[in-house]
Amino acid sequence: MQLYGDNFAPTESLGCRYALEHGTTDGGGGTDPLPAYLPATFVSVSVVLCAAPASALPRSTDVSASTDGKWWGPTDAVYTYYDPTHAPVVSRVEPPYG
């Protein structure tokens, strides 16, 4: 996937971090928010390429980037996994009447 932002640099430690969005699971039924860290490929100061880690269940994960592997920039980016082999599941309707 491509991440768009600012101040990316072609460093040895350039990477992407995927952390669970609040209220989702890790695909194994857990809710541990510990992030997965994967190396990134520098494209430009405003674009990097990252591979998404595997997920056993549909879920959403916050995505952030770092040039040194220690300091992670702020993010509003969310990546959502879905399972194309299953039909969508409706879990709620609002309003419940009308």
PDB file of N, CA and C in Angstrom:
ATOM      1  N   MET A   1       0.837  -1.164   0.000  1.00  0.00           N
ATOM      2  CA  MET A   1       0.000   0.000   0.000  1.00  0.00           C
ATOM      3  C   MET A   1       0.884   1.229   0.000  1.00  0.00           C
ATOM      4  N   GLN A   2       0.342   2.348  -0.404  1.00  0.00           N
ATOM      5  CA  GLN A   2       1.077   3.607  -0.378  1.00  0.00           C
ATOM      6  C   GLN A   2       0.604   4.442   0.794  1.00  0.00           C
ATOM      7  N   LEU A   3       1.553   4.984   1.526  1.00  0.00           N
ATOM      8  CA  LEU A   3       1.232   5.930   2.601  1.00  0.00           C
ATOM      9  C   LEU A   3       1.629   7.311   2.112  1.00  0.00           C
ATOM     10  N   TYR A   4       0.738   8.262   2.290  1.00  0.00           N
ATOM     11  CA  TYR A   4       0.995   9.643   1.887  1.00  0.00           C
ATOM     12  C   TYR A   4       1.145  10.491   3.136  1.00  0.00           C
ATOM     13  N   GLY A   5       2.106  11.382   3.129  1.00  0.00           N
ATOM     14  CA  GLY A   5       2.334  12.249   4.276  1.00  0.00           C
ATOM     15  C   GLY A   5       3.430  13.238   3.959  1.00  0.00           C
ATOM     16  N   ASP A   6       4.219  13.575   4.953  1.00  0.00           N
ATOM     17  CA  ASP A   6       5.306  14.529   4.796  1.00  0.00           C
ATOM     18  C   ASP A   6       6.515  14.091   5.612  1.00  0.00           C
ATOM     19  N   ASN A   7       7.671  14.513   5.164  1.00  0.00           N
ATOM     20  CA  ASN A   7       8.938  14.332   5.874  1.00  0.00           C
ATOM     21  C   ASN A   7       9.434  12.887   5.927  1.00  0.00           C
ATOM     22  N   PHE A   8       9.046  12.052   4.953  1.00  0.00           N
ATOM     23  CA  PHE A   8       9.639  10.722   4.857  1.00  0.00           C
ATOM     24  C   PHE A   8      11.076  10.879   4.362  1.00  0.00           C
ATOM     25  N   ALA A   9      11.945   9.967   4.784  1.00  0.00           N
ATOM     26  CA  ALA A   9      13.352  10.023   4.384  1.00  0.00           C
ATOM     27  C   ALA A   9      13.838   8.611   4.076  1.00  0.00           C
ATOM     28  N   PRO A  10      14.792   8.468   3.154  1.00  0.00           N
ATOM     29  CA  PRO A  10      15.298   7.143   2.775  1.00  0.00           C
ATOM     30  C   PRO A  10      16.319   6.607   3.778  1.00  0.00           C
ATOM     31  N   THR A  11      15.857   6.246   4.968  1.00  0.00           N
ATOM     32  CA  THR A  11      16.747   5.758   6.020  1.00  0.00           C
ATOM     33  C   THR A  11      16.691   4.233   6.113  1.00  0.00           C
ATOM     34  N   GLU A  12      17.665   3.650   6.779  1.00  0.00           N
ATOM     35  CA  GLU A  12      17.701   2.202   7.007  1.00  0.00           C
ATOM     36  C   GLU A  12      16.526   1.738   7.865  1.00  0.00           C
ATOM     37  N   SER A  13      16.014   2.620   8.727  1.00  0.00           N
ATOM     38  CA  SER A  13      14.961   2.253   9.674  1.00  0.00           C
ATOM     39  C   SER A  13      13.566   2.703   9.248  1.00  0.00           C
ATOM     40  N   LEU A  14      13.416   3.168   8.027  1.00  0.00           N
ATOM     41  CA  LEU A  14      12.101   3.599   7.558  1.00  0.00           C
ATOM     42  C   LEU A  14      11.120   2.439   7.671  1.00  0.00           C
ATOM     43  N   GLY A  15       9.998   2.674   8.345  1.00  0.00           N
ATOM     44  CA  GLY A  15       9.051   1.581   8.552  1.00  0.00           C
ATOM     45  C   GLY A  15       7.635   2.049   8.784  1.00  0.00           C
ATOM     46  N   CYS A  16       6.726   1.091   8.747  1.00  0.00           N
ATOM     47  CA  CYS A  16       5.304   1.312   9.004  1.00  0.00           C
ATOM     48  C   CYS A  16       4.910   0.515  10.236  1.00  0.00           C
ATOM     49  N   ARG A  17       3.982   1.061  10.987  1.00  0.00           N
ATOM     50  CA  ARG A  17       3.503   0.401  12.200  1.00  0.00           C
ATOM     51  C   ARG A  17       1.994   0.271  12.111  1.00  0.00           C
ATOM     52  N   TYR A  18       1.500  -0.909  12.433  1.00  0.00           N
ATOM     53  CA  TYR A  18       0.071  -1.205  12.399  1.00  0.00           C
ATOM     54  C   TYR A  18      -0.368  -1.555  13.806  1.00  0.00           C
ATOM     55  N   ALA A  19      -1.268  -0.760  14.381  1.00  0.00           N
ATOM     56  CA  ALA A  19      -1.758  -0.997  15.735  1.00  0.00           C
ATOM     57  C   ALA A  19      -3.272  -1.111  15.694  1.00  0.00           C
ATOM     58  N   LEU A  20      -3.815  -1.986  16.509  1.00  0.00           N
ATOM     59  CA  LEU A  20      -5.258  -2.189  16.513  1.00  0.00           C
ATOM     60  C   LEU A  20      -6.006  -0.911  16.845  1.00  0.00           C
ATOM     61  N   GLU A  21      -7.071  -0.683  16.092  1.00  0.00           N
ATOM     62  CA  GLU A  21      -7.972   0.411  16.413  1.00  0.00           C
ATOM     63  C   GLU A  21      -8.800  -0.020  17.617  1.00  0.00           C
ATOM     64  N   HIS A  22      -9.132   0.909  18.504  1.00  0.00           N
ATOM     65  CA  HIS A  22      -9.891   0.614  19.719  1.00  0.00           C
ATOM     66  C   HIS A  22     -11.172  -0.150  19.385  1.00  0.00           C
ATOM     67  N   GLY A  23     -11.430  -1.224  20.122  1.00  0.00           N
ATOM     68  CA  GLY A  23     -12.661  -1.986  19.950  1.00  0.00           C
ATOM     69  C   GLY A  23     -12.583  -3.088  18.908  1.00  0.00           C
ATOM     70  N   THR A  24     -11.422  -3.314  18.304  1.00  0.00           N
ATOM     71  CA  THR A  24     -11.280  -4.389  17.324  1.00  0.00           C
ATOM     72  C   THR A  24     -10.408  -5.491  17.904  1.00  0.00           C
ATOM     73  N   THR A  25     -10.337  -6.631  17.211  1.00  0.00           N
ATOM     74  CA  THR A  25      -9.522  -7.741  17.695  1.00  0.00           C
ATOM     75  C   THR A  25      -8.359  -7.991  16.758  1.00  0.00           C
ATOM     76  N   ASP A  26      -7.426  -8.819  17.209  1.00  0.00           N
ATOM     77  CA  ASP A  26      -6.235  -9.092  16.418  1.00  0.00           C
ATOM     78  C   ASP A  26      -6.404 -10.261  15.453  1.00  0.00           C
ATOM     79  N   GLY A  27      -7.610 -10.767  15.316  1.00  0.00           N
ATOM     80  CA  GLY A  27      -7.860 -11.894  14.432  1.00  0.00           C
ATOM     81  C   GLY A  27      -7.787 -13.224  15.153  1.00  0.00           C
ATOM     82  N   GLY A  28      -7.163 -13.228  16.321  1.00  0.00           N
ATOM     83  CA  GLY A  28      -7.095 -14.432  17.136  1.00  0.00           C
ATOM     84  C   GLY A  28      -8.001 -14.314  18.345  1.00  0.00           C
ATOM     85  N   GLY A  29      -8.836 -13.298  18.357  1.00  0.00           N
ATOM     86  CA  GLY A  29      -9.741 -13.080  19.473  1.00  0.00           C
ATOM     87  C   GLY A  29      -9.179 -12.160  20.536  1.00  0.00           C
ATOM     88  N   GLY A  30      -7.900 -11.794  20.435  1.00  0.00           N
ATOM     89  CA  GLY A  30      -7.290 -10.908  21.415  1.00  0.00           C
ATOM     90  C   GLY A  30      -7.504  -9.453  21.065  1.00  0.00           C
ATOM     91  N   THR A  31      -7.284  -8.607  22.029  1.00  0.00           N
ATOM     92  CA  THR A  31      -7.421  -7.172  21.817  1.00  0.00           C
ATOM     93  C   THR A  31      -6.126  -6.444  22.148  1.00  0.00           C
ATOM     94  N   ASP A  32      -5.010  -7.159  22.139  1.00  0.00           N
ATOM     95  CA  ASP A  32      -3.710  -6.575  22.442  1.00  0.00           C
ATOM     96  C   ASP A  32      -3.359  -5.521  21.392  1.00  0.00           C
ATOM     97  N   PRO A  33      -3.160  -4.269  21.809  1.00  0.00           N
ATOM     98  CA  PRO A  33      -2.879  -3.215  20.838  1.00  0.00           C
ATOM     99  C   PRO A  33      -1.406  -3.132  20.414  1.00  0.00           C
ATOM    100  N   LEU A  34      -0.569  -4.088  20.814  1.00  0.00           N
ATOM    101  CA  LEU A  34       0.831  -4.021  20.428  1.00  0.00           C
ATOM    102  C   LEU A  34       0.944  -4.001  18.905  1.00  0.00           C
ATOM    103  N   PRO A  35       1.701  -3.060  18.387  1.00  0.00           N
ATOM    104  CA  PRO A  35       1.755  -2.898  16.936  1.00  0.00           C
ATOM    105  C   PRO A  35       2.683  -3.876  16.232  1.00  0.00           C
ATOM    106  N   ALA A  36       2.378  -4.125  14.969  1.00  0.00           N
ATOM    107  CA  ALA A  36       3.278  -4.865  14.084  1.00  0.00           C
ATOM    108  C   ALA A  36       4.126  -3.831  13.350  1.00  0.00           C
ATOM    109  N   TYR A  37       5.427  -4.082  13.244  1.00  0.00           N
ATOM    110  CA  TYR A  37       6.346  -3.163  12.576  1.00  0.00           C
ATOM    111  C   TYR A  37       6.894  -3.834  11.330  1.00  0.00           C
ATOM    112  N   LEU A  38       6.797  -3.150  10.188  1.00  0.00           N
ATOM    113  CA  LEU A  38       7.313  -3.675   8.930  1.00  0.00           C
ATOM    114  C   LEU A  38       8.148  -2.611   8.231  1.00  0.00           C
ATOM    115  N   PRO A  39       9.217  -3.016   7.536  1.00  0.00           N
ATOM    116  CA  PRO A  39      10.026  -2.043   6.800  1.00  0.00           C
ATOM    117  C   PRO A  39       9.222  -1.403   5.668  1.00  0.00           C
ATOM    118  N   ALA A  40       9.593  -0.182   5.329  1.00  0.00           N
ATOM    119  CA  ALA A  40       8.935   0.561   4.254  1.00  0.00           C
ATOM    120  C   ALA A  40       9.932   0.847   3.149  1.00  0.00           C
ATOM    121  N   THR A  41       9.406   1.143   1.969  1.00  0.00           N
ATOM    122  CA  THR A  41      10.222   1.512   0.826  1.00  0.00           C
ATOM    123  C   THR A  41      10.004   2.983   0.522  1.00  0.00           C
ATOM    124  N   PHE A  42      11.091   3.732   0.498  1.00  0.00           N
ATOM    125  CA  PHE A  42      11.020   5.170   0.221  1.00  0.00           C
ATOM    126  C   PHE A  42      10.691   5.393  -1.252  1.00  0.00           C
ATOM    127  N   VAL A  43       9.708   6.255  -1.519  1.00  0.00           N
ATOM    128  CA  VAL A  43       9.367   6.672  -2.883  1.00  0.00           C
ATOM    129  C   VAL A  43       9.713   8.146  -3.053  1.00  0.00           C
ATOM    130  N   SER A  44       9.253   8.955  -2.091  1.00  0.00           N
ATOM    131  CA  SER A  44       9.535  10.390  -2.110  1.00  0.00           C
ATOM    132  C   SER A  44       9.352  10.931  -0.705  1.00  0.00           C
ATOM    133  N   VAL A  45       9.612  12.197  -0.535  1.00  0.00           N
ATOM    134  CA  VAL A  45       9.458  12.815   0.776  1.00  0.00           C
ATOM    135  C   VAL A  45       7.998  12.769   1.256  1.00  0.00           C
ATOM    136  N   SER A  46       7.062  12.506   0.334  1.00  0.00           N
ATOM    137  CA  SER A  46       5.651  12.466   0.707  1.00  0.00           C
ATOM    138  C   SER A  46       4.976  11.107   0.482  1.00  0.00           C
ATOM    139  N   VAL A  47       5.723  10.086   0.022  1.00  0.00           N
ATOM    140  CA  VAL A  47       5.136   8.765  -0.237  1.00  0.00           C
ATOM    141  C   VAL A  47       6.104   7.659   0.162  1.00  0.00           C
ATOM    142  N   VAL A  48       5.587   6.641   0.897  1.00  0.00           N
ATOM    143  CA  VAL A  48       6.330   5.413   1.154  1.00  0.00           C
ATOM    144  C   VAL A  48       5.426   4.227   0.835  1.00  0.00           C
ATOM    145  N   LEU A  49       6.050   3.085   0.532  1.00  0.00           N
ATOM    146  CA  LEU A  49       5.314   1.853   0.273  1.00  0.00           C
ATOM    147  C   LEU A  49       5.471   0.926   1.464  1.00  0.00           C
ATOM    148  N   CYS A  50       4.364   0.294   1.869  1.00  0.00           N
ATOM    149  CA  CYS A  50       4.377  -0.631   2.995  1.00  0.00           C
ATOM    150  C   CYS A  50       3.528  -1.846   2.673  1.00  0.00           C
ATOM    151  N   ALA A  51       3.946  -3.000   3.155  1.00  0.00           N
ATOM    152  CA  ALA A  51       3.113  -4.202   3.067  1.00  0.00           C
ATOM    153  C   ALA A  51       2.276  -4.276   4.335  1.00  0.00           C
ATOM    154  N   ALA A  52       1.043  -4.723   4.207  1.00  0.00           N
ATOM    155  CA  ALA A  52       0.178  -4.873   5.380  1.00  0.00           C
ATOM    156  C   ALA A  52       0.383  -6.257   5.983  1.00  0.00           C
ATOM    157  N   PRO A  53       0.470  -6.364   7.313  1.00  0.00           N
ATOM    158  CA  PRO A  53       0.602  -7.684   7.928  1.00  0.00           C
ATOM    159  C   PRO A  53      -0.691  -8.478   7.740  1.00  0.00           C
ATOM    160  N   ALA A  54      -0.587  -9.784   7.810  1.00  0.00           N
ATOM    161  CA  ALA A  54      -1.766 -10.639   7.660  1.00  0.00           C
ATOM    162  C   ALA A  54      -2.725 -10.455   8.831  1.00  0.00           C
ATOM    163  N   SER A  55      -3.995 -10.699   8.573  1.00  0.00           N
ATOM    164  CA  SER A  55      -5.013 -10.641   9.618  1.00  0.00           C
ATOM    165  C   SER A  55      -5.982 -11.791   9.410  1.00  0.00           C
ATOM    166  N   ALA A  56      -6.311 -12.506  10.482  1.00  0.00           N
ATOM    167  CA  ALA A  56      -7.213 -13.643  10.388  1.00  0.00           C
ATOM    168  C   ALA A  56      -8.675 -13.226  10.340  1.00  0.00           C
ATOM    169  N   LEU A  57      -8.981 -12.009  10.780  1.00  0.00           N
ATOM    170  CA  LEU A  57     -10.358 -11.527  10.812  1.00  0.00           C
ATOM    171  C   LEU A  57     -10.453 -10.125  10.229  1.00  0.00           C
ATOM    172  N   PRO A  58     -11.625  -9.761   9.726  1.00  0.00           N
ATOM    173  CA  PRO A  58     -11.806  -8.363   9.319  1.00  0.00           C
ATOM    174  C   PRO A  58     -11.610  -7.454  10.534  1.00  0.00           C
ATOM    175  N   ARG A  59     -10.913  -6.355  10.327  1.00  0.00           N
ATOM    176  CA  ARG A  59     -10.665  -5.407  11.413  1.00  0.00           C
ATOM    177  C   ARG A  59     -10.070  -4.142  10.837  1.00  0.00           C
ATOM    178  N   SER A  60      -9.951  -3.141  11.674  1.00  0.00           N
ATOM    179  CA  SER A  60      -9.300  -1.890  11.291  1.00  0.00           C
ATOM    180  C   SER A  60      -8.069  -1.691  12.151  1.00  0.00           C
ATOM    181  N   THR A  61      -7.039  -1.085  11.566  1.00  0.00           N
ATOM    182  CA  THR A  61      -5.787  -0.858  12.274  1.00  0.00           C
ATOM    183  C   THR A  61      -5.242   0.530  11.942  1.00  0.00           C
ATOM    184  N   ASP A  62      -4.759   1.223  12.941  1.00  0.00           N
ATOM    185  CA  ASP A  62      -4.115   2.519  12.721  1.00  0.00           C
ATOM    186  C   ASP A  62      -2.765   2.277  12.067  1.00  0.00           C
ATOM    187  N   VAL A  63      -2.384   3.134  11.127  1.00  0.00           N
ATOM    188  CA  VAL A  63      -1.111   3.006  10.419  1.00  0.00           C
ATOM    189  C   VAL A  63      -0.292   4.274  10.647  1.00  0.00           C
ATOM    190  N   SER A  64       0.961   4.121  11.066  1.00  0.00           N
ATOM    191  CA  SER A  64       1.854   5.263  11.228  1.00  0.00           C
ATOM    192  C   SER A  64       3.214   4.910  10.641  1.00  0.00           C
ATOM    193  N   ALA A  65       4.080   5.896  10.527  1.00  0.00           N
ATOM    194  CA  ALA A  65       5.397   5.689   9.922  1.00  0.00           C
ATOM    195  C   ALA A  65       6.487   6.319  10.784  1.00  0.00           C
ATOM    196  N   SER A  66       7.710   5.801  10.591  1.00  0.00           N
ATOM    197  CA  SER A  66       8.870   6.310  11.310  1.00  0.00           C
ATOM    198  C   SER A  66      10.085   6.235  10.402  1.00  0.00           C
ATOM    199  N   THR A  67      10.987   7.186  10.548  1.00  0.00           N
ATOM    200  CA  THR A  67      12.241   7.140   9.798  1.00  0.00           C
ATOM    201  C   THR A  67      13.368   6.525  10.619  1.00  0.00           C
ATOM    202  N   ASP A  68      13.162   6.395  11.957  1.00  0.00           N
ATOM    203  CA  ASP A  68      14.215   5.841  12.804  1.00  0.00           C
ATOM    204  C   ASP A  68      13.775   4.622  13.622  1.00  0.00           C
ATOM    205  N   GLY A  69      12.511   4.206  13.511  1.00  0.00           N
ATOM    206  CA  GLY A  69      12.010   3.054  14.253  1.00  0.00           C
ATOM    207  C   GLY A  69      11.736   3.318  15.713  1.00  0.00           C
ATOM    208  N   LYS A  70      11.927   4.553  16.163  1.00  0.00           N
ATOM    209  CA  LYS A  70      11.700   4.914  17.564  1.00  0.00           C
ATOM    210  C   LYS A  70      10.627   5.986  17.714  1.00  0.00           C
ATOM    211  N   TRP A  71      10.686   6.987  16.852  1.00  0.00           N
ATOM    212  CA  TRP A  71       9.747   8.096  16.942  1.00  0.00           C
ATOM    213  C   TRP A  71       8.728   7.953  15.826  1.00  0.00           C
ATOM    214  N   TRP A  72       7.463   7.756  16.212  1.00  0.00           N
ATOM    215  CA  TRP A  72       6.378   7.530  15.260  1.00  0.00           C
ATOM    216  C   TRP A  72       5.546   8.779  15.136  1.00  0.00           C
ATOM    217  N   GLY A  73       5.364   9.233  13.928  1.00  0.00           N
ATOM    218  CA  GLY A  73       4.583  10.439  13.690  1.00  0.00           C
ATOM    219  C   GLY A  73       3.113  10.221  13.971  1.00  0.00           C
ATOM    220  N   PRO A  74       2.380  11.313  14.170  1.00  0.00           N
ATOM    221  CA  PRO A  74       0.934  11.204  14.392  1.00  0.00           C
ATOM    222  C   PRO A  74       0.249  10.679  13.132  1.00  0.00           C
ATOM    223  N   THR A  75      -0.914  10.065  13.313  1.00  0.00           N
ATOM    224  CA  THR A  75      -1.624   9.503  12.172  1.00  0.00           C
ATOM    225  C   THR A  75      -3.125   9.659  12.295  1.00  0.00           C
ATOM    226  N   ASP A  76      -3.763   9.827  11.175  1.00  0.00           N
ATOM    227  CA  ASP A  76      -5.216   9.744  11.050  1.00  0.00           C
ATOM    228  C   ASP A  76      -5.556   8.618  10.083  1.00  0.00           C
ATOM    229  N   ALA A  77      -4.533   7.868   9.653  1.00  0.00           N
ATOM    230  CA  ALA A  77      -4.710   6.826   8.644  1.00  0.00           C
ATOM    231  C   ALA A  77      -5.138   5.509   9.290  1.00  0.00           C
ATOM    232  N   VAL A  78      -6.138   4.882   8.705  1.00  0.00           N
ATOM    233  CA  VAL A  78      -6.636   3.590   9.171  1.00  0.00           C
ATOM    234  C   VAL A  78      -6.711   2.649   7.972  1.00  0.00           C
ATOM    235  N   TYR A  79      -6.210   1.424   8.154  1.00  0.00           N
ATOM    236  CA  TYR A  79      -6.297   0.400   7.125  1.00  0.00           C
ATOM    237  C   TYR A  79      -7.308  -0.628   7.595  1.00  0.00           C
ATOM    238  N   THR A  80      -8.221  -1.025   6.711  1.00  0.00           N
ATOM    239  CA  THR A  80      -9.271  -1.970   7.073  1.00  0.00           C
ATOM    240  C   THR A  80      -9.136  -3.249   6.255  1.00  0.00           C
ATOM    241  N   TYR A  81      -9.100  -4.363   6.966  1.00  0.00           N
ATOM    242  CA  TYR A  81      -9.074  -5.679   6.338  1.00  0.00           C
ATOM    243  C   TYR A  81     -10.510  -6.161   6.170  1.00  0.00           C
ATOM    244  N   TYR A  82     -10.772  -6.902   5.109  1.00  0.00           N
ATOM    245  CA  TYR A  82     -12.052  -7.572   4.979  1.00  0.00           C
ATOM    246  C   TYR A  82     -11.804  -8.956   4.388  1.00  0.00           C
ATOM    247  N   ASP A  83     -12.793  -9.821   4.499  1.00  0.00           N
ATOM    248  CA  ASP A  83     -12.673 -11.186   3.994  1.00  0.00           C
ATOM    249  C   ASP A  83     -13.598 -11.345   2.795  1.00  0.00           C
ATOM    250  N   PRO A  84     -13.047 -11.351   1.579  1.00  0.00           N
ATOM    251  CA  PRO A  84     -13.890 -11.425   0.387  1.00  0.00           C
ATOM    252  C   PRO A  84     -14.564 -12.781   0.195  1.00  0.00           C
ATOM    253  N   THR A  85     -14.204 -13.791   1.006  1.00  0.00           N
ATOM    254  CA  THR A  85     -14.819 -15.101   0.856  1.00  0.00           C
ATOM    255  C   THR A  85     -16.084 -15.246   1.695  1.00  0.00           C
ATOM    256  N   HIS A  86     -16.424 -14.247   2.487  1.00  0.00           N
ATOM    257  CA  HIS A  86     -17.627 -14.295   3.319  1.00  0.00           C
ATOM    258  C   HIS A  86     -18.536 -13.100   3.012  1.00  0.00           C
ATOM    259  N   ALA A  87     -19.814 -13.321   3.205  1.00  0.00           N
ATOM    260  CA  ALA A  87     -20.792 -12.246   3.021  1.00  0.00           C
ATOM    261  C   ALA A  87     -20.679 -11.250   4.166  1.00  0.00           C
ATOM    262  N   PRO A  88     -21.053  -9.985   3.946  1.00  0.00           N
ATOM    263  CA  PRO A  88     -21.056  -9.005   5.031  1.00  0.00           C
ATOM    264  C   PRO A  88     -22.032  -9.424   6.143  1.00  0.00           C
ATOM    265  N   VAL A  89     -21.728  -9.014   7.361  1.00  0.00           N
ATOM    266  CA  VAL A  89     -22.565  -9.309   8.517  1.00  0.00           C
ATOM    267  C   VAL A  89     -23.104  -7.994   9.062  1.00  0.00           C
ATOM    268  N   VAL A  90     -24.429  -7.871   9.148  1.00  0.00           N
ATOM    269  CA  VAL A  90     -25.062  -6.690   9.725  1.00  0.00           C
ATOM    270  C   VAL A  90     -25.181  -6.928  11.217  1.00  0.00           C
ATOM    271  N   SER A  91     -24.637  -6.016  12.018  1.00  0.00           N
ATOM    272  CA  SER A  91     -24.679  -6.198  13.463  1.00  0.00           C
ATOM    273  C   SER A  91     -25.599  -5.207  14.173  1.00  0.00           C
ATOM    274  N   ARG A  92     -26.069  -4.197  13.424  1.00  0.00           N
ATOM    275  CA  ARG A  92     -26.895  -3.183  14.074  1.00  0.00           C
ATOM    276  C   ARG A  92     -27.616  -2.359  13.013  1.00  0.00           C
ATOM    277  N   VAL A  93     -28.801  -1.861  13.368  1.00  0.00           N
ATOM    278  CA  VAL A  93     -29.562  -0.970  12.499  1.00  0.00           C
ATOM    279  C   VAL A  93     -29.978   0.233  13.315  1.00  0.00           C
ATOM    280  N   GLU A  94     -29.806   1.429  12.748  1.00  0.00           N
ATOM    281  CA  GLU A  94     -30.246   2.640  13.434  1.00  0.00           C
ATOM    282  C   GLU A  94     -31.006   3.521  12.464  1.00  0.00           C
ATOM    283  N   PRO A  95     -32.102   4.068  12.798  1.00  0.00           N
ATOM    284  CA  PRO A  95     -32.843   3.785  14.027  1.00  0.00           C
ATOM    285  C   PRO A  95     -33.496   2.402  13.957  1.00  0.00           C
ATOM    286  N   PRO A  96     -33.794   1.805  15.102  1.00  0.00           N
ATOM    287  CA  PRO A  96     -34.336   0.455  15.112  1.00  0.00           C
ATOM    288  C   PRO A  96     -35.814   0.395  14.724  1.00  0.00           C
ATOM    289  N   TYR A  97     -36.404   1.512  14.443  1.00  0.00           N
ATOM    290  CA  TYR A  97     -37.826   1.545  14.064  1.00  0.00           C
ATOM    291  C   TYR A  97     -38.024   2.718  13.125  1.00  0.00           C
ATOM    292  N   GLY A  98     -39.201   2.842  12.557  1.00  0.00           N
ATOM    293  CA  GLY A  98     -39.433   3.996  11.708  1.00  0.00           C
ATOM    294  C   GLY A  98     -40.453   3.763  10.706  1.00  0.00           C
TER     295      GLY A  98
END
